[in-house]
Amino acid sequence: MEERGYREESYEEWKENDMRTELLAESVEELIEKKVLLDVLQEALESLIPEEKELAVKVFGEEVSVYEFARINGGNRRTLDFRKNKVLEKLRHFFRERGIDV
């Protein structure tokens, strides 16, 4: 059989190779999906005004708490918390317009 270009392969080896191919295909799919979602997130952040973007990146990115952000910027914590909620609403609206359920 090897003379004709065929080679003998055990079922276990064949199944293992098949599973690797399947896992690779799934990981590529996941990577593409993550890339698309990251692109949409980037668009969403760019749609915010600079103050909102800074708030979103630092507070939602968990660099600082709302309290710390207010202290650093000399603002009122309650006002900043209200603004944070408004930014969340804007981002939710942005994602829903693009068909992403959040």
Protein backbone atom coordinates (compact mmCIF):
# COMPACT_ATOMS: atom_id res chain seq x y z
CA MET A 1 0.00 0.00 0.00
CA GLU A 2 2.84 2.39 0.76
CA GLU A 3 4.06 1.94 -2.81
CA ARG A 4 0.86 3.62 -4.04
CA GLY A 5 1.17 6.59 -1.72
CA TYR A 6 -0.91 5.17 1.10
CA ARG A 7 0.42 4.63 4.58
CA GLU A 8 -0.86 2.51 7.38
CA GLU A 9 -2.26 4.50 10.27
CA SER A 10 -3.90 3.30 13.43
CA TYR A 11 -7.42 4.35 14.29
CA GLU A 12 -6.16 6.07 17.46
CA GLU A 13 -3.62 8.12 15.51
CA TRP A 14 -6.23 9.06 12.92
CA LYS A 15 -8.75 10.06 15.62
CA GLU A 16 -6.12 12.13 17.45
CA ASN A 17 -5.21 14.01 14.25
CA ASP A 18 -8.88 14.58 13.48
CA MET A 19 -9.45 15.99 16.97
CA ARG A 20 -6.46 18.35 16.61
CA THR A 21 -7.89 19.67 13.35
CA GLU A 22 -11.28 20.19 15.00
CA LEU A 23 -9.74 22.03 17.98
CA LEU A 24 -7.69 24.23 15.67
CA ALA A 25 -10.81 25.14 13.68
CA GLU A 26 -12.66 26.02 16.88
CA SER A 27 -9.81 28.16 18.17
CA VAL A 28 -9.59 30.04 14.85
CA GLU A 29 -13.33 30.67 14.99
CA GLU A 30 -13.03 31.94 18.55
CA LEU A 31 -10.13 34.21 17.62
CA ILE A 32 -12.07 35.71 14.73
CA GLU A 33 -15.10 36.27 16.96
CA LYS A 34 -12.95 37.96 19.62
CA LYS A 35 -11.30 40.16 16.98
CA VAL A 36 -14.72 41.29 15.72
CA LEU A 37 -15.90 42.04 19.27
CA LEU A 38 -12.72 43.96 20.05
CA ASP A 39 -13.18 46.03 16.89
CA VAL A 40 -16.75 46.85 17.95
CA LEU A 41 -15.53 47.75 21.44
CA GLN A 42 -12.91 50.06 19.94
CA GLU A 43 -15.61 51.74 17.82
CA ALA A 44 -17.81 52.09 20.91
CA LEU A 45 -15.04 53.77 22.88
CA GLU A 46 -14.27 56.09 19.98
CA SER A 47 -17.92 57.16 19.92
CA LEU A 48 -17.59 58.60 23.44
CA ILE A 49 -16.40 62.11 24.20
CA PRO A 50 -12.87 62.21 25.71
CA GLU A 51 -14.06 62.60 29.33
CA GLU A 52 -16.43 59.65 28.97
CA LYS A 53 -13.74 57.56 27.29
CA GLU A 54 -11.27 58.25 30.10
CA LEU A 55 -13.93 57.31 32.68
CA ALA A 56 -14.79 54.10 30.80
CA VAL A 57 -11.19 53.00 30.34
CA LYS A 58 -10.13 53.65 33.93
CA VAL A 59 -13.26 52.67 35.88
CA PHE A 60 -14.65 49.89 33.65
CA GLY A 61 -11.12 48.66 33.05
CA GLU A 62 -10.83 48.44 36.84
CA GLU A 63 -7.72 50.59 37.03
CA VAL A 64 -9.37 52.75 39.69
CA SER A 65 -12.68 52.86 41.57
CA VAL A 66 -15.26 55.59 41.02
CA TYR A 67 -14.26 57.06 44.39
CA GLU A 68 -10.55 57.15 43.46
CA PHE A 69 -11.32 58.58 40.01
CA ALA A 70 -13.41 61.35 41.59
CA ARG A 71 -10.66 62.12 44.12
CA ILE A 72 -7.97 62.23 41.41
CA ASN A 73 -10.04 64.53 39.16
CA GLY A 74 -11.40 66.66 42.01
CA GLY A 75 -15.03 65.76 41.24
CA ASN A 76 -18.00 64.67 43.27
CA ARG A 77 -18.31 60.89 43.64
CA ARG A 78 -22.09 60.92 43.20
CA THR A 79 -21.90 63.03 40.06
CA LEU A 80 -19.20 60.77 38.67
CA ASP A 81 -21.26 57.66 39.49
CA PHE A 82 -24.20 59.22 37.61
CA ARG A 83 -21.93 59.90 34.61
CA LYS A 84 -20.60 56.34 34.76
CA ASN A 85 -24.17 55.01 34.50
CA LYS A 86 -24.86 57.30 31.53
CA VAL A 87 -21.73 56.04 29.77
CA LEU A 88 -22.89 52.46 30.39
CA GLU A 89 -26.25 53.30 28.83
CA LYS A 90 -24.52 54.80 25.77
CA LEU A 91 -22.32 51.74 25.36
CA ARG A 92 -25.27 49.34 25.75
CA HIS A 93 -27.19 51.29 23.12
CA PHE A 94 -24.16 51.22 20.80
CA PHE A 95 -23.80 47.44 21.12
CA ARG A 96 -27.51 46.74 20.70
CA GLU A 97 -27.55 48.82 17.50
CA ARG A 98 -24.91 46.46 16.15
CA GLY A 99 -26.81 43.36 17.18
CA ILE A 100 -24.68 42.45 20.19
CA ASP A 101 -26.75 41.58 23.24
CA VAL A 102 -25.27 42.88 26.47
